[in-house]
């Protein structure tokens, strides 16, 4: 009789514990975009050897993603979800080639990506591809923040006016995912390109070849 009572008490204790274990392991993941260096922006993609040369891209520079899932998460990759004429599409992050550039503020060389405006160039100091940063982390602990940048090139040959309802999708290795709505995307870069190239340096001056592969009016109507 006493043994049966003890077994009953043990079962009552074990069931909630096991239930919490299952909940903790399989509850949905959740991420928050807590910061970007600049608002996400549309810009054309320049890579002469790529079939995506001249396509629209969505770039997020210097983003900080925080895991607020309440548990550690092994992140597989980050993608972009968007709608074109009411149909959902997915784009992977493109590995953007960067160049080591001297950063006077940090007194060191740092990775940089180039926005080409034709008559001027903007150096995005500290551009680190988010995919590379994630590959260095086996898992992100709860409340841990990871910083990186991403360029999502749209496979469809369309202008940014056709793209809406843009989300970041964070995918875990177990197949779970979290969506983050990108509310404000700058449309002021219609004449700009983001260069998928590495550059030479001469006496501290960056040497960038001219863009002859596409004209400013191609593919970005």
N, C-alpha and C. Protein backbone atom coordinates (compact mmCIF):
# COMPACT_ATOMS: atom_id res chain seq x y z
N UNK A 1 0.84 -1.22 0.00
CA UNK A 1 0.00 0.00 0.00
C UNK A 1 0.87 1.26 0.00
N UNK A 2 1.85 1.30 0.91
CA UNK A 2 2.75 2.46 1.00
C UNK A 2 3.53 2.62 -0.30
N UNK A 3 3.95 1.48 -0.87
CA UNK A 3 4.70 1.52 -2.13
C UNK A 3 3.86 2.14 -3.25
N UNK A 4 2.59 1.77 -3.30
CA UNK A 4 1.71 2.33 -4.33
C UNK A 4 1.55 3.85 -4.16
N UNK A 5 1.46 4.27 -2.89
CA UNK A 5 1.34 5.72 -2.62
C UNK A 5 2.59 6.45 -3.08
N UNK A 6 3.76 5.87 -2.76
CA UNK A 6 5.02 6.50 -3.15
C UNK A 6 5.16 6.57 -4.67
N UNK A 7 4.75 5.49 -5.35
CA UNK A 7 4.81 5.48 -6.81
C UNK A 7 3.86 6.53 -7.39
N UNK A 8 2.69 6.70 -6.75
CA UNK A 8 1.75 7.71 -7.22
C UNK A 8 2.30 9.12 -7.05
N UNK A 9 2.97 9.36 -5.91
CA UNK A 9 3.57 10.68 -5.67
C UNK A 9 4.69 10.95 -6.68
N UNK A 10 5.51 9.92 -6.93
CA UNK A 10 6.60 10.07 -7.90
C UNK A 10 6.07 10.39 -9.28
N UNK A 11 4.95 9.75 -9.65
CA UNK A 11 4.37 10.01 -10.97
C UNK A 11 3.84 11.43 -11.06
N UNK A 12 3.21 11.91 -9.98
CA UNK A 12 2.70 13.28 -9.98
C UNK A 12 3.82 14.30 -10.12
N UNK A 13 4.96 14.00 -9.54
CA UNK A 13 6.12 14.91 -9.65
C UNK A 13 6.75 14.82 -11.03
N UNK A 14 6.84 13.60 -11.57
CA UNK A 14 7.54 13.38 -12.83
C UNK A 14 6.79 13.95 -14.03
N UNK A 15 5.44 13.85 -14.01
CA UNK A 15 4.67 14.29 -15.19
C UNK A 15 4.85 15.77 -15.48
N UNK A 16 4.71 16.68 -14.50
CA UNK A 16 4.94 18.11 -14.80
C UNK A 16 6.38 18.38 -15.23
N UNK A 17 7.32 17.68 -14.60
CA UNK A 17 8.74 17.89 -14.95
C UNK A 17 8.99 17.50 -16.40
N UNK A 18 8.44 16.34 -16.79
CA UNK A 18 8.63 15.87 -18.17
C UNK A 18 7.89 16.79 -19.14
N UNK A 19 6.72 17.26 -18.73
CA UNK A 19 5.97 18.17 -19.59
C UNK A 19 6.72 19.47 -19.82
N UNK A 20 7.34 20.00 -18.76
CA UNK A 20 8.12 21.23 -18.91
C UNK A 20 9.32 20.99 -19.81
N UNK A 21 9.95 19.82 -19.69
CA UNK A 21 11.09 19.48 -20.55
C UNK A 21 10.67 19.51 -22.02
N UNK A 22 9.52 18.92 -22.33
CA UNK A 22 9.05 18.92 -23.71
C UNK A 22 8.72 20.34 -24.18
N UNK A 23 8.07 21.11 -23.31
CA UNK A 23 7.72 22.49 -23.67
C UNK A 23 8.96 23.32 -23.91
N UNK A 24 9.95 23.17 -23.02
CA UNK A 24 11.17 23.96 -23.14
C UNK A 24 11.94 23.60 -24.40
N UNK A 25 11.91 22.34 -24.77
CA UNK A 25 12.67 21.89 -25.92
C UNK A 25 12.00 22.23 -27.24
N UNK A 26 10.68 22.20 -27.29
CA UNK A 26 9.97 22.33 -28.56
C UNK A 26 9.13 23.60 -28.68
N UNK A 27 9.18 24.50 -27.71
CA UNK A 27 8.41 25.73 -27.85
C UNK A 27 8.99 26.57 -28.99
N UNK A 28 8.18 27.40 -29.62
CA UNK A 28 8.64 28.18 -30.78
C UNK A 28 9.81 29.08 -30.43
N UNK A 29 10.70 29.27 -31.40
CA UNK A 29 11.80 30.20 -31.19
C UNK A 29 11.32 31.61 -31.48
N UNK A 30 12.03 32.59 -30.95
CA UNK A 30 11.66 33.98 -31.13
C UNK A 30 12.93 34.83 -31.17
N UNK A 31 13.01 35.69 -32.19
CA UNK A 31 14.14 36.61 -32.32
C UNK A 31 13.62 38.03 -32.49
N UNK A 32 14.46 38.99 -32.12
CA UNK A 32 14.11 40.40 -32.24
C UNK A 32 15.24 41.14 -32.93
N UNK A 33 14.89 41.98 -33.89
CA UNK A 33 15.86 42.86 -34.54
C UNK A 33 15.92 44.13 -33.70
N UNK A 34 17.00 44.26 -32.92
CA UNK A 34 17.04 45.35 -31.94
C UNK A 34 17.77 46.59 -32.46
N UNK A 35 18.54 46.44 -33.57
CA UNK A 35 19.29 47.60 -34.05
C UNK A 35 19.80 47.34 -35.46
N UNK A 36 19.92 48.40 -36.26
CA UNK A 36 20.66 48.38 -37.51
C UNK A 36 21.45 49.69 -37.59
N UNK A 37 22.59 49.65 -38.30
CA UNK A 37 23.38 50.87 -38.44
C UNK A 37 22.59 51.93 -39.21
N UNK A 38 21.87 51.51 -40.22
CA UNK A 38 21.00 52.37 -41.01
C UNK A 38 19.72 51.60 -41.30
N UNK A 39 18.66 52.28 -41.69
CA UNK A 39 17.46 51.53 -42.06
C UNK A 39 17.76 50.56 -43.20
N UNK A 40 17.15 49.39 -43.23
CA UNK A 40 17.30 48.50 -44.38
C UNK A 40 16.96 49.26 -45.67
N UNK A 41 17.64 48.89 -46.76
CA UNK A 41 17.44 49.66 -47.99
C UNK A 41 17.43 48.76 -49.22
N UNK A 42 16.68 49.23 -50.23
CA UNK A 42 16.72 48.62 -51.55
C UNK A 42 17.91 49.20 -52.31
N UNK A 43 18.62 48.37 -53.04
CA UNK A 43 19.72 48.84 -53.87
C UNK A 43 19.99 47.79 -54.94
N UNK A 44 20.49 48.20 -56.09
CA UNK A 44 20.81 47.23 -57.13
C UNK A 44 22.10 46.48 -56.78
N UNK A 45 22.17 45.27 -57.26
CA UNK A 45 23.29 44.37 -56.98
C UNK A 45 24.22 44.36 -58.18
N UNK A 46 25.51 44.64 -57.94
CA UNK A 46 26.49 44.68 -59.02
C UNK A 46 27.49 43.54 -58.84
N UNK A 47 27.43 42.58 -59.76
CA UNK A 47 28.36 41.45 -59.77
C UNK A 47 28.40 40.92 -61.20
N UNK A 48 29.35 41.42 -62.02
CA UNK A 48 29.34 41.14 -63.46
C UNK A 48 29.29 39.66 -63.83
N UNK A 49 29.86 38.80 -62.99
CA UNK A 49 29.89 37.37 -63.31
C UNK A 49 28.63 36.64 -62.87
N UNK A 50 27.71 37.33 -62.23
CA UNK A 50 26.52 36.69 -61.69
C UNK A 50 25.31 36.93 -62.58
N UNK A 51 24.43 35.94 -62.65
CA UNK A 51 23.17 36.10 -63.38
C UNK A 51 22.25 37.09 -62.69
N UNK A 52 22.55 37.42 -61.45
CA UNK A 52 21.73 38.36 -60.69
C UNK A 52 22.23 39.80 -60.82
N UNK A 53 23.23 40.01 -61.66
CA UNK A 53 23.77 41.35 -61.86
C UNK A 53 22.66 42.33 -62.28
N UNK A 54 22.55 43.43 -61.54
CA UNK A 54 21.53 44.43 -61.84
C UNK A 54 20.20 44.21 -61.17
N UNK A 55 20.04 43.08 -60.46
CA UNK A 55 18.78 42.81 -59.79
C UNK A 55 18.63 43.65 -58.52
N UNK A 56 17.39 43.80 -58.12
CA UNK A 56 17.10 44.46 -56.86
C UNK A 56 17.60 43.63 -55.68
N UNK A 57 18.13 44.30 -54.67
CA UNK A 57 18.49 43.59 -53.44
C UNK A 57 17.97 44.37 -52.24
N UNK A 58 17.83 43.67 -51.13
CA UNK A 58 17.50 44.28 -49.84
C UNK A 58 18.72 44.10 -48.95
N UNK A 59 19.29 45.19 -48.49
CA UNK A 59 20.49 45.13 -47.65
C UNK A 59 20.17 45.60 -46.23
N UNK A 60 20.68 44.87 -45.27
CA UNK A 60 20.53 45.25 -43.86
C UNK A 60 21.94 45.31 -43.28
N UNK A 61 22.37 46.51 -42.98
CA UNK A 61 23.75 46.80 -42.58
C UNK A 61 23.85 46.96 -41.07
N UNK A 62 24.76 46.18 -40.47
CA UNK A 62 25.01 46.31 -39.04
C UNK A 62 23.83 45.96 -38.17
N UNK A 63 23.13 44.88 -38.52
CA UNK A 63 21.97 44.48 -37.71
C UNK A 63 22.40 43.74 -36.44
N UNK A 64 21.61 43.88 -35.42
CA UNK A 64 21.80 43.13 -34.18
C UNK A 64 20.53 42.32 -33.92
N UNK A 65 20.70 40.99 -33.93
CA UNK A 65 19.59 40.08 -33.69
C UNK A 65 19.73 39.49 -32.29
N UNK A 66 18.65 39.52 -31.54
CA UNK A 66 18.67 38.96 -30.19
C UNK A 66 17.78 37.73 -30.10
N UNK A 67 18.31 36.68 -29.53
CA UNK A 67 17.52 35.48 -29.26
C UNK A 67 16.72 35.70 -27.99
N UNK A 68 15.42 35.84 -28.11
CA UNK A 68 14.57 35.96 -26.91
C UNK A 68 13.59 34.79 -26.83
N UNK A 69 14.10 33.61 -27.18
CA UNK A 69 13.28 32.39 -27.18
C UNK A 69 13.10 31.80 -25.80
N UNK A 70 13.88 32.27 -24.83
CA UNK A 70 13.84 31.67 -23.51
C UNK A 70 14.70 30.42 -23.40
N UNK A 71 15.45 30.10 -24.44
CA UNK A 71 16.35 28.95 -24.47
C UNK A 71 17.39 29.16 -25.55
N UNK A 72 18.41 28.33 -25.57
CA UNK A 72 19.42 28.42 -26.60
C UNK A 72 18.87 27.90 -27.93
N UNK A 73 19.36 28.46 -29.03
CA UNK A 73 18.90 28.09 -30.36
C UNK A 73 20.10 27.94 -31.29
N UNK A 74 20.15 26.85 -32.03
CA UNK A 74 21.16 26.67 -33.06
C UNK A 74 20.59 27.18 -34.38
N UNK A 75 21.07 28.33 -34.82
CA UNK A 75 20.53 28.98 -36.02
C UNK A 75 21.20 28.41 -37.26
N UNK A 76 20.40 27.98 -38.22
CA UNK A 76 20.91 27.42 -39.47
C UNK A 76 21.20 28.51 -40.49
N UNK A 77 20.25 29.39 -40.72
CA UNK A 77 20.45 30.49 -41.65
C UNK A 77 19.37 31.54 -41.48
N UNK A 78 19.62 32.70 -42.08
CA UNK A 78 18.64 33.78 -42.09
C UNK A 78 18.25 34.05 -43.54
N UNK A 79 16.95 34.12 -43.81
CA UNK A 79 16.44 34.34 -45.16
C UNK A 79 15.55 35.58 -45.19
N UNK A 80 15.15 35.95 -46.40
CA UNK A 80 14.23 37.06 -46.58
C UNK A 80 12.95 36.54 -47.22
N UNK A 81 11.83 36.88 -46.63
CA UNK A 81 10.53 36.53 -47.19
C UNK A 81 9.87 37.83 -47.67
N UNK A 82 9.25 37.79 -48.85
CA UNK A 82 8.63 38.98 -49.41
C UNK A 82 7.50 38.58 -50.34
N UNK A 83 6.62 39.51 -50.61
CA UNK A 83 5.50 39.27 -51.51
C UNK A 83 5.69 40.04 -52.82
N UNK A 84 5.35 39.39 -53.92
CA UNK A 84 5.31 40.04 -55.23
C UNK A 84 3.93 39.76 -55.82
N UNK A 85 3.12 40.81 -55.95
CA UNK A 85 1.76 40.66 -56.48
C UNK A 85 0.97 39.61 -55.68
N UNK A 86 1.13 39.65 -54.37
CA UNK A 86 0.37 38.77 -53.50
C UNK A 86 0.90 37.36 -53.34
N UNK A 87 2.03 37.06 -53.98
CA UNK A 87 2.61 35.71 -53.90
C UNK A 87 3.89 35.78 -53.07
N UNK A 88 4.02 34.89 -52.07
CA UNK A 88 5.18 34.88 -51.18
C UNK A 88 6.39 34.25 -51.86
N UNK A 89 7.56 34.84 -51.62
CA UNK A 89 8.82 34.34 -52.15
C UNK A 89 9.86 34.33 -51.03
N UNK A 90 10.91 33.55 -51.21
CA UNK A 90 12.00 33.45 -50.25
C UNK A 90 13.32 33.68 -50.97
N UNK A 91 14.22 34.48 -50.37
CA UNK A 91 15.55 34.69 -50.92
C UNK A 91 16.59 34.41 -49.84
N UNK A 92 17.67 33.72 -50.21
CA UNK A 92 18.78 33.49 -49.29
C UNK A 92 19.68 34.73 -49.25
N UNK A 93 20.43 34.87 -48.17
CA UNK A 93 21.41 35.94 -48.09
C UNK A 93 22.56 35.64 -49.05
N UNK A 94 23.00 36.66 -49.77
CA UNK A 94 24.11 36.52 -50.71
C UNK A 94 25.40 36.86 -49.97
N UNK A 95 26.43 36.02 -50.18
CA UNK A 95 27.72 36.28 -49.53
C UNK A 95 28.39 37.44 -50.26
N UNK A 96 28.46 38.60 -49.63
CA UNK A 96 28.99 39.80 -50.26
C UNK A 96 30.50 39.87 -50.05
N UNK A 97 31.24 40.00 -51.14
CA UNK A 97 32.69 40.14 -51.06
C UNK A 97 33.04 41.51 -50.49
N UNK A 98 34.01 41.55 -49.61
CA UNK A 98 34.39 42.79 -48.94
C UNK A 98 35.89 43.01 -49.08
N UNK A 99 36.33 44.18 -48.68
CA UNK A 99 37.74 44.56 -48.76
C UNK A 99 38.19 45.06 -47.39
N UNK A 100 39.43 44.73 -47.04
CA UNK A 100 39.99 45.26 -45.80
C UNK A 100 40.29 46.74 -45.98
N UNK A 101 39.70 47.56 -45.12
CA UNK A 101 39.83 49.01 -45.21
C UNK A 101 40.28 49.53 -43.86
N UNK A 102 41.16 50.53 -43.89
CA UNK A 102 41.62 51.13 -42.64
C UNK A 102 40.51 51.92 -41.98
N UNK A 103 40.30 51.63 -40.72
CA UNK A 103 39.29 52.34 -39.94
C UNK A 103 40.00 53.25 -38.93
N UNK A 104 40.09 54.56 -39.22
CA UNK A 104 40.82 55.46 -38.32
C UNK A 104 40.29 55.46 -36.89
N UNK A 105 38.99 55.34 -36.75
CA UNK A 105 38.40 55.40 -35.41
C UNK A 105 38.83 54.21 -34.56
N UNK A 106 39.00 53.05 -35.23
CA UNK A 106 39.36 51.83 -34.51
C UNK A 106 40.85 51.53 -34.59
N UNK A 107 41.60 52.31 -35.37
CA UNK A 107 43.05 52.12 -35.53
C UNK A 107 43.38 50.71 -35.98
N UNK A 108 42.60 50.21 -36.90
CA UNK A 108 42.83 48.86 -37.41
C UNK A 108 42.18 48.73 -38.77
N UNK A 109 42.47 47.62 -39.45
CA UNK A 109 41.79 47.32 -40.70
C UNK A 109 40.50 46.57 -40.41
N UNK A 110 39.47 46.87 -41.14
CA UNK A 110 38.19 46.22 -40.95
C UNK A 110 37.55 45.94 -42.30
N UNK A 111 36.63 44.98 -42.33
CA UNK A 111 35.94 44.66 -43.58
C UNK A 111 35.01 45.80 -43.98
N UNK A 112 34.92 46.04 -45.28
CA UNK A 112 34.03 47.09 -45.76
C UNK A 112 33.38 46.68 -47.06
N UNK A 113 32.15 47.11 -47.28
CA UNK A 113 31.44 46.93 -48.54
C UNK A 113 31.22 48.30 -49.16
N UNK A 114 31.05 48.33 -50.47
CA UNK A 114 31.00 49.60 -51.19
C UNK A 114 29.64 49.82 -51.85
N UNK A 115 29.05 50.98 -51.56
CA UNK A 115 27.89 51.46 -52.31
C UNK A 115 28.40 52.46 -53.34
N UNK A 116 28.12 52.19 -54.60
CA UNK A 116 28.58 53.05 -55.68
C UNK A 116 27.42 53.93 -56.14
N UNK A 117 27.61 55.25 -56.02
CA UNK A 117 26.58 56.21 -56.41
C UNK A 117 26.91 56.89 -57.74
N UNK A 118 27.90 56.36 -58.45
CA UNK A 118 28.30 56.97 -59.71
C UNK A 118 29.35 58.02 -59.51
N UNK A 119 28.97 59.18 -58.99
CA UNK A 119 29.92 60.26 -58.74
C UNK A 119 30.54 60.18 -57.35
N UNK A 120 30.04 59.31 -56.52
CA UNK A 120 30.56 59.18 -55.15
C UNK A 120 30.43 57.73 -54.70
N UNK A 121 31.15 57.40 -53.66
CA UNK A 121 31.10 56.05 -53.10
C UNK A 121 30.96 56.13 -51.59
N UNK A 122 30.17 55.22 -51.05
CA UNK A 122 29.98 55.12 -49.61
C UNK A 122 30.58 53.80 -49.15
N UNK A 123 31.45 53.88 -48.14
CA UNK A 123 32.06 52.67 -47.59
C UNK A 123 31.26 52.24 -46.36
N UNK A 124 30.72 51.04 -46.40
CA UNK A 124 29.99 50.49 -45.26
C UNK A 124 31.00 49.77 -44.37
N UNK A 125 31.59 50.54 -43.45
CA UNK A 125 32.64 50.01 -42.58
C UNK A 125 32.07 48.94 -41.66
N UNK A 126 32.82 47.86 -41.50
CA UNK A 126 32.41 46.81 -40.57
C UNK A 126 31.37 45.86 -41.12
N UNK A 127 31.25 45.79 -42.46
CA UNK A 127 30.31 44.84 -43.05
C UNK A 127 30.85 43.42 -42.84
N UNK A 128 30.18 42.65 -42.03
CA UNK A 128 30.51 41.24 -41.82
C UNK A 128 29.27 40.43 -42.19
N UNK A 129 29.43 39.52 -43.15
CA UNK A 129 28.29 38.72 -43.59
C UNK A 129 27.72 37.93 -42.42
N UNK A 130 26.42 38.08 -42.20
CA UNK A 130 25.78 37.43 -41.06
C UNK A 130 25.93 35.92 -41.12
N UNK A 131 25.89 35.35 -42.34
CA UNK A 131 26.05 33.90 -42.46
C UNK A 131 27.37 33.42 -41.91
N UNK A 132 28.44 34.20 -42.15
CA UNK A 132 29.74 33.84 -41.61
C UNK A 132 29.79 33.92 -40.10
N UNK A 133 29.14 34.94 -39.54
CA UNK A 133 29.09 35.06 -38.08
C UNK A 133 28.33 33.89 -37.47
N UNK A 134 27.23 33.49 -38.10
CA UNK A 134 26.43 32.38 -37.56
C UNK A 134 27.20 31.06 -37.66
N UNK A 135 28.02 30.90 -38.70
CA UNK A 135 28.78 29.66 -38.85
C UNK A 135 29.82 29.50 -37.74
N UNK A 136 30.17 30.59 -37.08
CA UNK A 136 31.14 30.54 -35.99
C UNK A 136 30.49 30.26 -34.64
N UNK A 137 29.16 30.25 -34.62
CA UNK A 137 28.43 30.02 -33.37
C UNK A 137 27.64 28.73 -33.46
N UNK A 138 27.92 27.79 -32.56
CA UNK A 138 27.17 26.54 -32.56
C UNK A 138 25.74 26.77 -32.08
N UNK A 139 25.55 27.74 -31.19
CA UNK A 139 24.21 28.09 -30.73
C UNK A 139 24.24 29.48 -30.12
N UNK A 140 23.08 30.10 -30.11
CA UNK A 140 22.90 31.39 -29.46
C UNK A 140 22.13 31.18 -28.17
N UNK A 141 22.70 31.62 -27.06
CA UNK A 141 22.02 31.46 -25.78
C UNK A 141 20.86 32.46 -25.68
N UNK A 142 19.97 32.20 -24.74
CA UNK A 142 18.84 33.11 -24.53
C UNK A 142 19.36 34.51 -24.22
N UNK A 143 18.80 35.53 -24.87
CA UNK A 143 19.16 36.94 -24.72
C UNK A 143 20.51 37.30 -25.35
N UNK A 144 21.15 36.34 -26.00
CA UNK A 144 22.43 36.65 -26.67
C UNK A 144 22.15 37.40 -27.96
N UNK A 145 23.03 38.34 -28.28
CA UNK A 145 22.90 39.18 -29.47
C UNK A 145 24.02 38.84 -30.44
N UNK A 146 23.68 38.71 -31.72
CA UNK A 146 24.68 38.52 -32.76
C UNK A 146 24.56 39.65 -33.76
N UNK A 147 25.72 40.15 -34.20
CA UNK A 147 25.75 41.31 -35.11
C UNK A 147 26.31 40.89 -36.46
N UNK A 148 25.73 41.38 -37.53
CA UNK A 148 26.22 41.10 -38.88
C UNK A 148 25.40 41.87 -39.90
N UNK A 149 25.77 41.73 -41.16
CA UNK A 149 25.07 42.40 -42.25
C UNK A 149 24.66 41.37 -43.29
N UNK A 150 23.66 41.69 -44.08
CA UNK A 150 23.18 40.73 -45.07
C UNK A 150 22.67 41.46 -46.30
N UNK A 151 22.92 40.86 -47.46
CA UNK A 151 22.43 41.36 -48.74
C UNK A 151 21.60 40.25 -49.37
N UNK A 152 20.31 40.48 -49.52
CA UNK A 152 19.39 39.50 -50.09
C UNK A 152 19.07 39.94 -51.52
N UNK A 153 19.55 39.20 -52.50
CA UNK A 153 19.32 39.55 -53.91
C UNK A 153 18.04 38.86 -54.38
N UNK A 154 17.14 39.65 -54.94
CA UNK A 154 15.84 39.14 -55.38
C UNK A 154 16.02 38.39 -56.70
N UNK A 155 15.69 37.09 -56.75
CA UNK A 155 15.89 36.32 -57.99
C UNK A 155 15.03 36.83 -59.15
N UNK A 156 13.82 37.32 -58.84
CA UNK A 156 12.96 37.84 -59.90
C UNK A 156 13.51 39.18 -60.40
N UNK A 157 13.48 39.40 -61.70
CA UNK A 157 13.99 40.63 -62.29
C UNK A 157 12.91 41.70 -62.24
N UNK A 158 12.76 42.31 -61.06
CA UNK A 158 11.68 43.28 -60.82
C UNK A 158 12.24 44.48 -60.08
N UNK A 159 11.50 45.58 -60.11
CA UNK A 159 11.86 46.76 -59.33
C UNK A 159 11.33 46.67 -57.91
N UNK A 160 11.85 47.54 -57.06
CA UNK A 160 11.44 47.48 -55.65
C UNK A 160 9.98 47.82 -55.45
N UNK A 161 9.37 48.53 -56.42
CA UNK A 161 7.96 48.90 -56.27
C UNK A 161 7.04 47.68 -56.21
N UNK A 162 7.50 46.56 -56.74
CA UNK A 162 6.69 45.35 -56.77
C UNK A 162 6.83 44.50 -55.50
N UNK A 163 7.72 44.92 -54.59
CA UNK A 163 8.05 44.11 -53.42
C UNK A 163 7.40 44.71 -52.18
N UNK A 164 6.70 43.88 -51.41
CA UNK A 164 6.12 44.35 -50.16
C UNK A 164 6.07 43.21 -49.15
N UNK A 165 5.61 43.54 -47.94
CA UNK A 165 5.49 42.55 -46.85
C UNK A 165 6.80 41.79 -46.67
N UNK A 166 7.84 42.53 -46.29
CA UNK A 166 9.18 41.96 -46.18
C UNK A 166 9.45 41.50 -44.75
N UNK A 167 9.93 40.26 -44.61
CA UNK A 167 10.24 39.68 -43.31
C UNK A 167 11.63 39.04 -43.32
N UNK A 168 12.31 39.12 -42.18
CA UNK A 168 13.46 38.26 -41.94
C UNK A 168 12.96 36.94 -41.38
N UNK A 169 13.51 35.84 -41.89
CA UNK A 169 13.16 34.52 -41.39
C UNK A 169 14.42 33.91 -40.76
N UNK A 170 14.37 33.63 -39.47
CA UNK A 170 15.49 32.98 -38.79
C UNK A 170 15.14 31.51 -38.63
N UNK A 171 15.93 30.64 -39.26
CA UNK A 171 15.67 29.20 -39.26
C UNK A 171 16.63 28.48 -38.31
N UNK A 172 16.06 27.62 -37.47
CA UNK A 172 16.87 26.78 -36.59
C UNK A 172 17.12 25.42 -37.25
N UNK A 173 18.11 24.71 -36.75
CA UNK A 173 18.44 23.41 -37.33
C UNK A 173 17.34 22.38 -37.13
N UNK A 174 16.48 22.59 -36.13
CA UNK A 174 15.39 21.63 -35.91
C UNK A 174 14.18 21.90 -36.80
N UNK A 175 14.31 22.89 -37.71
CA UNK A 175 13.21 23.19 -38.62
C UNK A 175 12.30 24.31 -38.14
N UNK A 176 12.45 24.74 -36.90
CA UNK A 176 11.63 25.83 -36.38
C UNK A 176 12.11 27.15 -36.98
N UNK A 177 11.25 28.16 -36.98
CA UNK A 177 11.64 29.44 -37.55
C UNK A 177 10.92 30.58 -36.83
N UNK A 178 11.51 31.76 -36.95
CA UNK A 178 10.94 32.98 -36.38
C UNK A 178 10.91 34.05 -37.46
N UNK A 179 9.83 34.84 -37.51
CA UNK A 179 9.68 35.89 -38.51
C UNK A 179 9.77 37.26 -37.86
N UNK A 180 10.47 38.18 -38.53
CA UNK A 180 10.57 39.56 -38.06
C UNK A 180 10.15 40.48 -39.20
N UNK A 181 9.13 41.27 -39.00
CA UNK A 181 8.66 42.19 -40.02
C UNK A 181 9.63 43.34 -40.17
N UNK A 182 10.04 43.62 -41.43
CA UNK A 182 10.88 44.79 -41.72
C UNK A 182 9.93 45.93 -42.11
N UNK A 183 9.74 46.88 -41.20
CA UNK A 183 8.69 47.87 -41.38
C UNK A 183 9.09 48.98 -42.34
N UNK A 184 10.31 49.48 -42.20
CA UNK A 184 10.73 50.63 -42.99
C UNK A 184 11.95 50.28 -43.83
N UNK A 185 11.80 50.33 -45.16
CA UNK A 185 12.90 50.07 -46.07
C UNK A 185 13.09 51.30 -46.94
N UNK A 186 14.30 51.84 -46.97
CA UNK A 186 14.58 53.04 -47.73
C UNK A 186 14.48 52.78 -49.23
N UNK A 187 13.83 53.70 -49.95
CA UNK A 187 13.67 53.61 -51.41
C UNK A 187 14.54 54.65 -52.12
N UNK A 188 15.49 55.24 -51.42
CA UNK A 188 16.22 56.38 -51.96
C UNK A 188 17.52 56.00 -52.66
N UNK A 189 17.69 54.74 -53.03
CA UNK A 189 18.96 54.30 -53.60
C UNK A 189 18.80 53.77 -55.02
N UNK A 190 17.83 54.31 -55.76
CA UNK A 190 17.54 53.78 -57.09
C UNK A 190 18.72 53.93 -58.05
N UNK A 191 19.60 54.91 -57.82
CA UNK A 191 20.75 55.12 -58.71
C UNK A 191 22.01 54.45 -58.19
N UNK A 192 21.92 53.71 -57.10
CA UNK A 192 23.11 53.14 -56.45
C UNK A 192 23.24 51.65 -56.73
N UNK A 193 24.47 51.17 -56.58
CA UNK A 193 24.77 49.75 -56.67
C UNK A 193 25.54 49.34 -55.42
N UNK A 194 25.32 48.13 -54.95
CA UNK A 194 26.22 47.57 -53.95
C UNK A 194 27.13 46.59 -54.68
N UNK A 195 28.42 46.78 -54.52
CA UNK A 195 29.41 46.04 -55.31
C UNK A 195 29.77 44.71 -54.63
N UNK A 196 29.66 43.65 -55.38
CA UNK A 196 30.10 42.34 -54.89
C UNK A 196 31.50 42.08 -55.46
N UNK A 197 32.45 42.87 -54.98
CA UNK A 197 33.83 42.80 -55.48
C UNK A 197 34.81 43.06 -54.34
N UNK A 198 36.03 42.58 -54.54
CA UNK A 198 37.14 42.97 -53.67
C UNK A 198 37.99 43.97 -54.45
N UNK A 199 38.64 44.89 -53.73
CA UNK A 199 39.32 46.00 -54.38
C UNK A 199 40.79 46.05 -53.99
N UNK A 200 41.55 46.69 -54.83
CA UNK A 200 42.97 46.91 -54.54
C UNK A 200 43.14 48.24 -53.80
N UNK A 201 44.20 48.32 -53.02
CA UNK A 201 44.54 49.55 -52.32
C UNK A 201 45.90 50.04 -52.81
N UNK A 202 46.03 51.35 -53.09
CA UNK A 202 47.29 51.93 -53.51
C UNK A 202 47.51 53.20 -52.71
N UNK A 203 48.55 53.16 -51.85
CA UNK A 203 48.85 54.30 -50.99
C UNK A 203 47.62 54.72 -50.17
N UNK A 204 46.89 53.71 -49.72
CA UNK A 204 45.72 53.97 -48.91
C UNK A 204 44.48 54.35 -49.69
N UNK A 205 44.60 54.45 -51.03
CA UNK A 205 43.46 54.81 -51.87
C UNK A 205 42.86 53.56 -52.49
N UNK A 206 41.56 53.42 -52.39
CA UNK A 206 40.89 52.27 -52.95
C UNK A 206 40.75 52.41 -54.46
N UNK A 207 41.12 51.36 -55.20
CA UNK A 207 41.04 51.38 -56.65
C UNK A 207 39.82 50.57 -57.06
N UNK A 208 38.83 51.23 -57.64
CA UNK A 208 37.58 50.58 -58.03
C UNK A 208 37.40 50.75 -59.53
N UNK A 209 37.26 49.66 -60.27
CA UNK A 209 37.05 49.78 -61.72
C UNK A 209 35.68 50.37 -62.02
N UNK A 210 35.51 51.00 -63.18
CA UNK A 210 34.20 51.56 -63.54
C UNK A 210 33.20 50.46 -63.80
N UNK A 211 31.93 50.81 -63.70
CA UNK A 211 30.86 49.85 -63.97
C UNK A 211 30.40 50.04 -65.40
N UNK A 212 30.72 49.08 -66.26
CA UNK A 212 30.31 49.14 -67.65
C UNK A 212 29.31 48.05 -68.01
N UNK A 213 29.05 47.15 -67.06
CA UNK A 213 28.23 45.99 -67.39
C UNK A 213 26.75 46.34 -67.53
N UNK A 214 26.28 47.31 -66.74
CA UNK A 214 24.87 47.67 -66.80
C UNK A 214 24.74 49.18 -66.65
N UNK A 215 23.72 49.71 -67.20
CA UNK A 215 23.47 51.15 -67.08
C UNK A 215 22.55 51.40 -65.90
N UNK A 216 22.51 52.64 -65.38
CA UNK A 216 21.67 52.94 -64.23
C UNK A 216 20.18 52.68 -64.44
N UNK A 217 19.74 52.54 -65.69
CA UNK A 217 18.31 52.34 -65.94
C UNK A 217 17.93 50.88 -66.14
N UNK A 218 18.90 49.99 -66.13
CA UNK A 218 18.64 48.58 -66.38
C UNK A 218 18.07 47.90 -65.14
N UNK A 219 17.03 47.13 -65.32
CA UNK A 219 16.53 46.17 -64.32
C UNK A 219 15.96 46.83 -63.07
N UNK A 220 15.85 48.13 -62.99
CA UNK A 220 15.40 48.74 -61.75
C UNK A 220 14.35 49.81 -62.03
N UNK A 221 13.31 49.36 -62.76
CA UNK A 221 12.29 50.30 -63.18
C UNK A 221 11.26 50.53 -62.08
